[in-house]
Amino acid sequence: MQRHSNSLLQNVLFLKVALLITLIFFCKVSVAEETQKVWLSDWEEESADEGFKAQCRMHKTEIKQCIFKARTRTSLDALSAVVHDVNNFTLWADSVAVSKHMPEFDQGKGLVVYTEYSVSGAYDRYAVTRYQTETKPVEKTVRVTFKTIDEKGLSPDLRLIRFPLMAGYWQFKTLSNGETEIEHKSFTLPGGAVQKTLHYFYNIAYLEASYETIRNLIKVAQTQPYASAEFEWPSPVLSMTSGQ
């Protein structure tokens, strides 16, 4: 009787494990298929300007998403100070014509910023974007994520077109040799005719603007008051909590 019970339990356990493996397999297949529907290509090395590394993949809209990397002797503190100065994006962010913090929309979830962009060959555009900061003190890394949000109550110039999506991050990491590694990931859907018919030219402009923006960021970070800024790291408890 005991032997029969053990055999039955083993069979039940085997069936449960088999079912779990099957579910995991189909979940992975489902995720892979969904990813293929969204992205037309895997990450691929992009020919980059001197001093840069870039990887891109193609979205189903034929708009590129890219990750850019560069190294500089400029400090993490200074670079972070520039990115957090949201009212002055016009000093360094290519194509940005207006940037304004909108504290009434923050809701304790980072900073909400209204921006207007001058886009060559297209109607000017605007976006409302939430910026949030993540820190890893042990790794000496600061990441500022951003993503557009749909906030009502704005009445911009009717000639402006809203960016359907802007998302990504700025990341700064202090390396053992004293240099700072800059990593910038971004994906922007421009909307309108640009997205539908001019995506090839938009992708070229996007790459050029990204390189120029990183160059400008480094230059501005080397000026005052940013050059003497000191980043305020959160306490270990707060840092661990934000990373969970």
C-alpha atoms as a PDB file:
ATOM      1  CA  MET A   1       0.000   0.000   0.000  1.00  0.00           C
ATOM      2  CA  GLN A   2       2.834   2.372   0.943  1.00  0.00           C
ATOM      3  CA  ARG A   3       4.676   1.520  -2.254  1.00  0.00           C
ATOM      4  CA  HIS A   4       1.531   2.278  -4.309  1.00  0.00           C
ATOM      5  CA  SER A   5       1.123   5.664  -2.599  1.00  0.00           C
ATOM      6  CA  ASN A   6       4.727   6.606  -3.267  1.00  0.00           C
ATOM      7  CA  SER A   7       4.377   5.655  -6.910  1.00  0.00           C
ATOM      8  CA  LEU A   8       1.214   7.728  -7.213  1.00  0.00           C
ATOM      9  CA  LEU A   9       2.902  10.754  -5.630  1.00  0.00           C
ATOM     10  CA  GLN A  10       5.871  10.399  -7.977  1.00  0.00           C
ATOM     11  CA  ASN A  11       3.538  10.299 -10.998  1.00  0.00           C
ATOM     12  CA  VAL A  12       1.665  13.380  -9.808  1.00  0.00           C
ATOM     13  CA  LEU A  13       4.941  15.218  -9.192  1.00  0.00           C
ATOM     14  CA  PHE A  14       6.226  14.233 -12.642  1.00  0.00           C
ATOM     15  CA  LEU A  15       3.033  15.520 -14.284  1.00  0.00           C
ATOM     16  CA  LYS A  16       3.284  18.828 -12.408  1.00  0.00           C
ATOM     17  CA  VAL A  17       6.919  19.308 -13.453  1.00  0.00           C
ATOM     18  CA  ALA A  18       6.100  18.378 -17.064  1.00  0.00           C
ATOM     19  CA  LEU A  19       3.196  20.829 -17.083  1.00  0.00           C
ATOM     20  CA  LEU A  20       5.370  23.600 -15.639  1.00  0.00           C
ATOM     21  CA  ILE A  21       8.083  23.039 -18.258  1.00  0.00           C
ATOM     22  CA  THR A  22       5.460  23.087 -21.020  1.00  0.00           C
ATOM     23  CA  LEU A  23       3.974  26.343 -19.742  1.00  0.00           C
ATOM     24  CA  ILE A  24       7.406  27.979 -19.518  1.00  0.00           C
ATOM     25  CA  PHE A  25       8.224  26.864 -23.058  1.00  0.00           C
ATOM     26  CA  PHE A  26       5.015  28.247 -24.534  1.00  0.00           C
ATOM     27  CA  CYS A  27       5.386  31.493 -22.562  1.00  0.00           C
ATOM     28  CA  LYS A  28       8.873  31.972 -24.020  1.00  0.00           C
ATOM     29  CA  VAL A  29       7.614  31.205 -27.525  1.00  0.00           C
ATOM     30  CA  SER A  30       4.740  33.651 -27.045  1.00  0.00           C
ATOM     31  CA  VAL A  31       7.069  36.407 -25.819  1.00  0.00           C
ATOM     32  CA  ALA A  32       9.489  35.766 -28.691  1.00  0.00           C
ATOM     33  CA  GLU A  33       6.699  35.912 -31.242  1.00  0.00           C
ATOM     34  CA  GLU A  34       5.348  39.130 -29.722  1.00  0.00           C
ATOM     35  CA  THR A  35       8.852  40.660 -29.772  1.00  0.00           C
ATOM     36  CA  GLN A  36       9.229  39.750 -33.442  1.00  0.00           C
ATOM     37  CA  LYS A  37       5.953  41.509 -34.211  1.00  0.00           C
ATOM     38  CA  VAL A  38       7.198  44.704 -32.578  1.00  0.00           C
ATOM     39  CA  TRP A  39      10.828  44.657 -33.736  1.00  0.00           C
ATOM     40  CA  LEU A  40      11.895  43.913 -37.306  1.00  0.00           C
ATOM     41  CA  SER A  41      15.523  43.266 -36.372  1.00  0.00           C
ATOM     42  CA  ASP A  42      17.775  42.326 -33.479  1.00  0.00           C
ATOM     43  CA  TRP A  43      20.281  44.745 -31.981  1.00  0.00           C
ATOM     44  CA  GLU A  44      22.990  45.470 -34.564  1.00  0.00           C
ATOM     45  CA  GLU A  45      26.193  47.490 -34.476  1.00  0.00           C
ATOM     46  CA  GLU A  46      25.789  50.879 -36.128  1.00  0.00           C
ATOM     47  CA  SER A  47      28.548  52.798 -37.858  1.00  0.00           C
ATOM     48  CA  ALA A  48      29.207  55.498 -35.266  1.00  0.00           C
ATOM     49  CA  ASP A  49      31.037  58.804 -35.070  1.00  0.00           C
ATOM     50  CA  GLU A  50      34.535  58.769 -33.609  1.00  0.00           C
ATOM     51  CA  GLY A  51      34.487  58.219 -29.863  1.00  0.00           C
ATOM     52  CA  PHE A  52      31.044  56.614 -29.888  1.00  0.00           C
ATOM     53  CA  LYS A  53      29.598  53.128 -29.958  1.00  0.00           C
ATOM     54  CA  ALA A  54      26.047  52.542 -31.123  1.00  0.00           C
ATOM     55  CA  GLN A  55      23.636  49.626 -31.419  1.00  0.00           C
ATOM     56  CA  CYS A  56      20.217  49.906 -33.046  1.00  0.00           C
ATOM     57  CA  ARG A  57      17.195  47.811 -33.869  1.00  0.00           C
ATOM     58  CA  MET A  58      14.291  48.509 -36.207  1.00  0.00           C
ATOM     59  CA  HIS A  59      10.766  48.981 -34.892  1.00  0.00           C
ATOM     60  CA  LYS A  60       7.777  47.789 -36.932  1.00  0.00           C
ATOM     61  CA  THR A  61       7.199  51.438 -37.875  1.00  0.00           C
ATOM     62  CA  GLU A  62      10.711  51.379 -39.448  1.00  0.00           C
ATOM     63  CA  ILE A  63      11.870  53.863 -36.817  1.00  0.00           C
ATOM     64  CA  LYS A  64      15.136  52.960 -35.090  1.00  0.00           C
ATOM     65  CA  GLN A  65      15.739  52.515 -31.381  1.00  0.00           C
ATOM     66  CA  CYS A  66      19.384  52.950 -30.411  1.00  0.00           C
ATOM     67  CA  ILE A  67      21.788  52.705 -27.488  1.00  0.00           C
ATOM     68  CA  PHE A  68      24.770  55.063 -27.579  1.00  0.00           C
ATOM     69  CA  LYS A  69      27.927  54.807 -25.481  1.00  0.00           C
ATOM     70  CA  ALA A  70      30.808  57.210 -24.964  1.00  0.00           C
ATOM     71  CA  ARG A  71      33.520  57.887 -22.390  1.00  0.00           C
ATOM     72  CA  THR A  72      34.665  61.188 -20.956  1.00  0.00           C
ATOM     73  CA  ARG A  73      36.868  62.627 -18.220  1.00  0.00           C
ATOM     74  CA  THR A  74      33.908  64.805 -17.191  1.00  0.00           C
ATOM     75  CA  SER A  75      32.516  63.714 -13.822  1.00  0.00           C
ATOM     76  CA  LEU A  76      29.289  61.823 -13.165  1.00  0.00           C
ATOM     77  CA  ASP A  77      28.327  64.674 -10.829  1.00  0.00           C
ATOM     78  CA  ALA A  78      28.572  67.317 -13.540  1.00  0.00           C
ATOM     79  CA  LEU A  79      26.800  65.256 -16.205  1.00  0.00           C
ATOM     80  CA  SER A  80      23.967  64.380 -13.818  1.00  0.00           C
ATOM     81  CA  ALA A  81      23.596  68.033 -12.835  1.00  0.00           C
ATOM     82  CA  VAL A  82      23.085  69.031 -16.477  1.00  0.00           C
ATOM     83  CA  VAL A  83      20.430  66.379 -17.136  1.00  0.00           C
ATOM     84  CA  HIS A  84      18.578  67.232 -13.920  1.00  0.00           C
ATOM     85  CA  ASP A  85      18.465  70.930 -14.845  1.00  0.00           C
ATOM     86  CA  VAL A  86      15.273  70.357 -16.833  1.00  0.00           C
ATOM     87  CA  ASN A  87      14.557  74.038 -17.470  1.00  0.00           C
ATOM     88  CA  ASN A  88      17.755  74.336 -19.495  1.00  0.00           C
ATOM     89  CA  PHE A  89      17.624  71.438 -21.955  1.00  0.00           C
ATOM     90  CA  THR A  90      17.999  74.054 -24.688  1.00  0.00           C
ATOM     91  CA  LEU A  91      21.658  74.468 -23.687  1.00  0.00           C
ATOM     92  CA  TRP A  92      22.609  71.018 -24.945  1.00  0.00           C
ATOM     93  CA  ALA A  93      19.738  68.844 -26.254  1.00  0.00           C
ATOM     94  CA  ASP A  94      19.697  69.076 -30.039  1.00  0.00           C
ATOM     95  CA  SER A  95      16.421  70.389 -31.535  1.00  0.00           C
ATOM     96  CA  VAL A  96      14.922  71.377 -28.149  1.00  0.00           C
ATOM     97  CA  ALA A  97      13.504  74.910 -28.426  1.00  0.00           C
ATOM     98  CA  VAL A  98      11.631  75.089 -25.094  1.00  0.00           C
ATOM     99  CA  SER A  99      11.909  73.120 -21.845  1.00  0.00           C
ATOM    100  CA  LYS A 100       9.850  73.820 -18.743  1.00  0.00           C
ATOM    101  CA  HIS A 101       9.344  71.929 -15.491  1.00  0.00           C
ATOM    102  CA  MET A 102       5.665  71.400 -14.662  1.00  0.00           C
ATOM    103  CA  PRO A 103       5.627  70.673 -10.901  1.00  0.00           C
ATOM    104  CA  GLU A 104       1.812  70.496 -10.809  1.00  0.00           C
ATOM    105  CA  PHE A 105       2.063  67.144 -12.633  1.00  0.00           C
ATOM    106  CA  ASP A 106       4.997  65.619 -10.671  1.00  0.00           C
ATOM    107  CA  GLN A 107       2.802  63.795  -8.101  1.00  0.00           C
ATOM    108  CA  GLY A 108       5.925  62.665  -6.256  1.00  0.00           C
ATOM    109  CA  LYS A 109       6.995  60.542  -9.224  1.00  0.00           C
ATOM    110  CA  GLY A 110      10.000  62.365 -10.588  1.00  0.00           C
ATOM    111  CA  LEU A 111       9.872  65.518 -12.711  1.00  0.00           C
ATOM    112  CA  VAL A 112       7.347  66.249 -15.465  1.00  0.00           C
ATOM    113  CA  VAL A 113       8.738  68.432 -18.230  1.00  0.00           C
ATOM    114  CA  TYR A 114       7.076  70.190 -21.167  1.00  0.00           C
ATOM    115  CA  THR A 115       9.329  70.468 -24.228  1.00  0.00           C
ATOM    116  CA  GLU A 116       9.020  71.870 -27.719  1.00  0.00           C
ATOM    117  CA  TYR A 117      11.205  70.672 -30.578  1.00  0.00           C
ATOM    118  CA  SER A 118      12.292  72.293 -33.803  1.00  0.00           C
ATOM    119  CA  VAL A 119      12.353  69.438 -36.305  1.00  0.00           C
ATOM    120  CA  SER A 120      14.045  70.123 -39.633  1.00  0.00           C
ATOM    121  CA  GLY A 121      11.764  69.516 -42.621  1.00  0.00           C
ATOM    122  CA  ALA A 122       8.633  68.913 -40.537  1.00  0.00           C
ATOM    123  CA  TYR A 123       6.107  70.671 -38.355  1.00  0.00           C
ATOM    124  CA  ASP A 124       7.476  71.477 -34.908  1.00  0.00           C
ATOM    125  CA  ARG A 125       6.564  69.085 -32.120  1.00  0.00           C
ATOM    126  CA  TYR A 126       6.010  68.999 -28.365  1.00  0.00           C
ATOM    127  CA  ALA A 127       6.028  66.408 -25.590  1.00  0.00           C
ATOM    128  CA  VAL A 128       5.167  66.029 -21.905  1.00  0.00           C
ATOM    129  CA  THR A 129       7.688  63.693 -20.317  1.00  0.00           C
ATOM    130  CA  ARG A 130       8.287  62.220 -16.865  1.00  0.00           C
ATOM    131  CA  TYR A 131      11.911  61.960 -15.708  1.00  0.00           C
ATOM    132  CA  GLN A 132      12.843  59.650 -12.827  1.00  0.00           C
ATOM    133  CA  THR A 133      16.220  58.984 -11.220  1.00  0.00           C
ATOM    134  CA  GLU A 134      17.586  55.585 -10.224  1.00  0.00           C
ATOM    135  CA  THR A 135      20.872  55.179  -8.350  1.00  0.00           C
ATOM    136  CA  LYS A 136      23.325  52.372  -7.610  1.00  0.00           C
ATOM    137  CA  PRO A 137      25.888  53.850  -5.189  1.00  0.00           C
ATOM    138  CA  VAL A 138      28.000  50.680  -4.985  1.00  0.00           C
ATOM    139  CA  GLU A 139      28.347  50.583  -8.781  1.00  0.00           C
ATOM    140  CA  LYS A 140      28.670  54.395  -8.853  1.00  0.00           C
ATOM    141  CA  THR A 141      25.868  54.580 -11.409  1.00  0.00           C
ATOM    142  CA  VAL A 142      23.085  57.108 -11.957  1.00  0.00           C
ATOM    143  CA  ARG A 143      20.291  56.485 -14.457  1.00  0.00           C
ATOM    144  CA  VAL A 144      17.677  59.069 -15.434  1.00  0.00           C
ATOM    145  CA  THR A 145      14.766  57.421 -17.241  1.00  0.00           C
ATOM    146  CA  PHE A 146      12.233  59.320 -19.312  1.00  0.00           C
ATOM    147  CA  LYS A 147       8.920  58.520 -20.952  1.00  0.00           C
ATOM    148  CA  THR A 148       6.163  60.657 -22.405  1.00  0.00           C
ATOM    149  CA  ILE A 149       2.877  60.811 -20.527  1.00  0.00           C
ATOM    150  CA  ASP A 150      -0.587  61.874 -21.626  1.00  0.00           C
ATOM    151  CA  GLU A 151      -1.399  64.820 -19.384  1.00  0.00           C
ATOM    152  CA  LYS A 152      -4.359  67.051 -20.138  1.00  0.00           C
ATOM    153  CA  GLY A 153      -4.518  70.730 -19.351  1.00  0.00           C
ATOM    154  CA  LEU A 154      -1.944  71.849 -21.909  1.00  0.00           C
ATOM    155  CA  SER A 155      -2.852  74.238 -24.713  1.00  0.00           C
ATOM    156  CA  PRO A 156       0.204  74.538 -26.932  1.00  0.00           C
ATOM    157  CA  ASP A 157       0.327  76.256 -30.282  1.00  0.00           C
ATOM    158  CA  LEU A 158      -2.081  74.386 -32.566  1.00  0.00           C
ATOM    159  CA  ARG A 159       0.647  74.228 -35.182  1.00  0.00           C
ATOM    160  CA  LEU A 160       2.580  71.823 -32.942  1.00  0.00           C
ATOM    161  CA  ILE A 161       2.292  68.031 -33.283  1.00  0.00           C
ATOM    162  CA  ARG A 162       2.567  65.884 -30.163  1.00  0.00           C
ATOM    163  CA  PHE A 163       5.218  63.172 -30.067  1.00  0.00           C
ATOM    164  CA  PRO A 164       3.219  59.920 -29.654  1.00  0.00           C
ATOM    165  CA  LEU A 165       6.129  58.359 -27.739  1.00  0.00           C
ATOM    166  CA  MET A 166       9.531  59.303 -26.358  1.00  0.00           C
ATOM    167  CA  ALA A 167      11.235  56.852 -24.013  1.00  0.00           C
ATOM    168  CA  GLY A 168      14.695  55.891 -22.839  1.00  0.00           C
ATOM    169  CA  TYR A 169      17.348  56.859 -20.312  1.00  0.00           C
ATOM    170  CA  TRP A 170      20.592  58.669 -19.602  1.00  0.00           C
ATOM    171  CA  GLN A 171      23.063  56.639 -17.559  1.00  0.00           C
ATOM    172  CA  PHE A 172      26.366  57.749 -16.055  1.00  0.00           C
ATOM    173  CA  LYS A 173      28.845  55.357 -14.457  1.00  0.00           C
ATOM    174  CA  THR A 174      32.177  56.208 -12.825  1.00  0.00           C
ATOM    175  CA  LEU A 175      34.825  53.746 -14.029  1.00  0.00           C
ATOM    176  CA  SER A 176      37.874  52.496 -12.137  1.00  0.00           C
ATOM    177  CA  ASN A 177      40.201  54.643 -14.294  1.00  0.00           C
ATOM    178  CA  GLY A 178      38.345  57.820 -13.309  1.00  0.00           C
ATOM    179  CA  GLU A 179      36.486  58.180 -16.590  1.00  0.00           C
ATOM    180  CA  THR A 180      32.705  58.359 -16.825  1.00  0.00           C
ATOM    181  CA  GLU A 181      30.821  56.054 -19.165  1.00  0.00           C
ATOM    182  CA  ILE A 182      27.797  57.687 -20.774  1.00  0.00           C
ATOM    183  CA  GLU A 183      25.036  55.377 -21.966  1.00  0.00           C
ATOM    184  CA  HIS A 184      22.005  56.810 -23.712  1.00  0.00           C
ATOM    185  CA  LYS A 185      19.044  54.744 -24.902  1.00  0.00           C
ATOM    186  CA  SER A 186      16.184  56.372 -26.774  1.00  0.00           C
ATOM    187  CA  PHE A 187      13.188  55.614 -28.939  1.00  0.00           C
ATOM    188  CA  THR A 188      10.918  58.266 -30.401  1.00  0.00           C
ATOM    189  CA  LEU A 189       7.872  57.955 -32.600  1.00  0.00           C
ATOM    190  CA  PRO A 190       7.569  61.309 -34.402  1.00  0.00           C
ATOM    191  CA  GLY A 191       4.018  60.785 -35.654  1.00  0.00           C
ATOM    192  CA  GLY A 192       2.489  62.484 -38.683  1.00  0.00           C
ATOM    193  CA  ALA A 193       3.871  62.236 -42.198  1.00  0.00           C
ATOM    194  CA  VAL A 194       7.442  61.927 -40.921  1.00  0.00           C
ATOM    195  CA  GLN A 195       6.677  58.576 -39.316  1.00  0.00           C
ATOM    196  CA  LYS A 196       4.612  57.302 -42.246  1.00  0.00           C
ATOM    197  CA  THR A 197       6.742  58.257 -45.240  1.00  0.00           C
ATOM    198  CA  LEU A 198      10.003  59.902 -44.177  1.00  0.00           C
ATOM    199  CA  HIS A 199      11.271  57.340 -41.651  1.00  0.00           C
ATOM    200  CA  TYR A 200      14.503  56.721 -43.602  1.00  0.00           C
ATOM    201  CA  PHE A 201      15.538  60.382 -43.354  1.00  0.00           C
ATOM    202  CA  TYR A 202      14.258  60.616 -39.795  1.00  0.00           C
ATOM    203  CA  ASN A 203      16.541  57.730 -38.742  1.00  0.00           C
ATOM    204  CA  ILE A 204      19.574  59.490 -40.217  1.00  0.00           C
ATOM    205  CA  ALA A 205      18.680  62.743 -38.468  1.00  0.00           C
ATOM    206  CA  TYR A 206      18.028  60.854 -35.211  1.00  0.00           C
ATOM    207  CA  LEU A 207      21.537  59.363 -35.169  1.00  0.00           C
ATOM    208  CA  GLU A 208      23.217  62.676 -35.989  1.00  0.00           C
ATOM    209  CA  ALA A 209      21.158  64.543 -33.376  1.00  0.00           C
ATOM    210  CA  SER A 210      22.000  61.944 -30.717  1.00  0.00           C
ATOM    211  CA  TYR A 211      25.763  62.239 -31.293  1.00  0.00           C
ATOM    212  CA  GLU A 212      25.539  66.034 -31.246  1.00  0.00           C
ATOM    213  CA  THR A 213      23.449  65.991 -28.068  1.00  0.00           C
ATOM    214  CA  ILE A 214      26.020  63.844 -26.222  1.00  0.00           C
ATOM    215  CA  ARG A 215      28.856  66.118 -27.376  1.00  0.00           C
ATOM    216  CA  ASN A 216      26.917  69.170 -26.199  1.00  0.00           C
ATOM    217  CA  LEU A 217      26.122  67.485 -22.872  1.00  0.00           C
ATOM    218  CA  ILE A 218      29.826  66.945 -22.180  1.00  0.00           C
ATOM    219  CA  LYS A 219      30.727  70.526 -23.146  1.00  0.00           C
ATOM    220  CA  VAL A 220      28.022  72.075 -20.981  1.00  0.00           C
ATOM    221  CA  ALA A 221      28.927  69.811 -18.035  1.00  0.00           C
ATOM    222  CA  GLN A 222      32.435  71.279 -18.137  1.00  0.00           C
ATOM    223  CA  THR A 223      31.077  74.778 -17.465  1.00  0.00           C
ATOM    224  CA  GLN A 224      29.809  76.346 -14.256  1.00  0.00           C
ATOM    225  CA  PRO A 225      27.742  75.772 -12.217  1.00  0.00           C
ATOM    226  CA  TYR A 226      27.653  72.147 -13.395  1.00  0.00           C
ATOM    227  CA  ALA A 227      31.410  71.469 -13.265  1.00  0.00           C
ATOM    228  CA  SER A 228      31.534  71.971  -9.477  1.00  0.00           C
ATOM    229  CA  ALA A 229      28.263  70.144  -8.726  1.00  0.00           C
ATOM    230  CA  GLU A 230      28.232  67.203  -6.318  1.00  0.00           C
ATOM    231  CA  PHE A 231      25.656  64.449  -6.774  1.00  0.00           C
ATOM    232  CA  GLU A 232      23.736  63.660  -3.595  1.00  0.00           C
ATOM    233  CA  TRP A 233      23.638  59.895  -3.223  1.00  0.00           C
ATOM    234  CA  PRO A 234      20.658  58.541  -1.257  1.00  0.00           C
ATOM    235  CA  SER A 235      21.145  56.572   1.957  1.00  0.00           C
ATOM    236  CA  PRO A 236      21.816  52.811   1.497  1.00  0.00           C
ATOM    237  CA  VAL A 237      18.279  51.995   2.712  1.00  0.00           C
ATOM    238  CA  LEU A 238      16.632  54.311   0.206  1.00  0.00           C
ATOM    239  CA  SER A 239      18.887  53.092  -2.578  1.00  0.00           C
ATOM    240  CA  MET A 240      18.119  49.438  -1.915  1.00  0.00           C
ATOM    241  CA  THR A 241      14.406  50.190  -1.800  1.00  0.00           C
ATOM    242  CA  SER A 242      14.413  52.014  -5.126  1.00  0.00           C
ATOM    243  CA  GLY A 243      16.233  49.122  -6.771  1.00  0.00           C
ATOM    244  CA  GLN A 244      13.632  46.503  -5.813  1.00  0.00           C
END
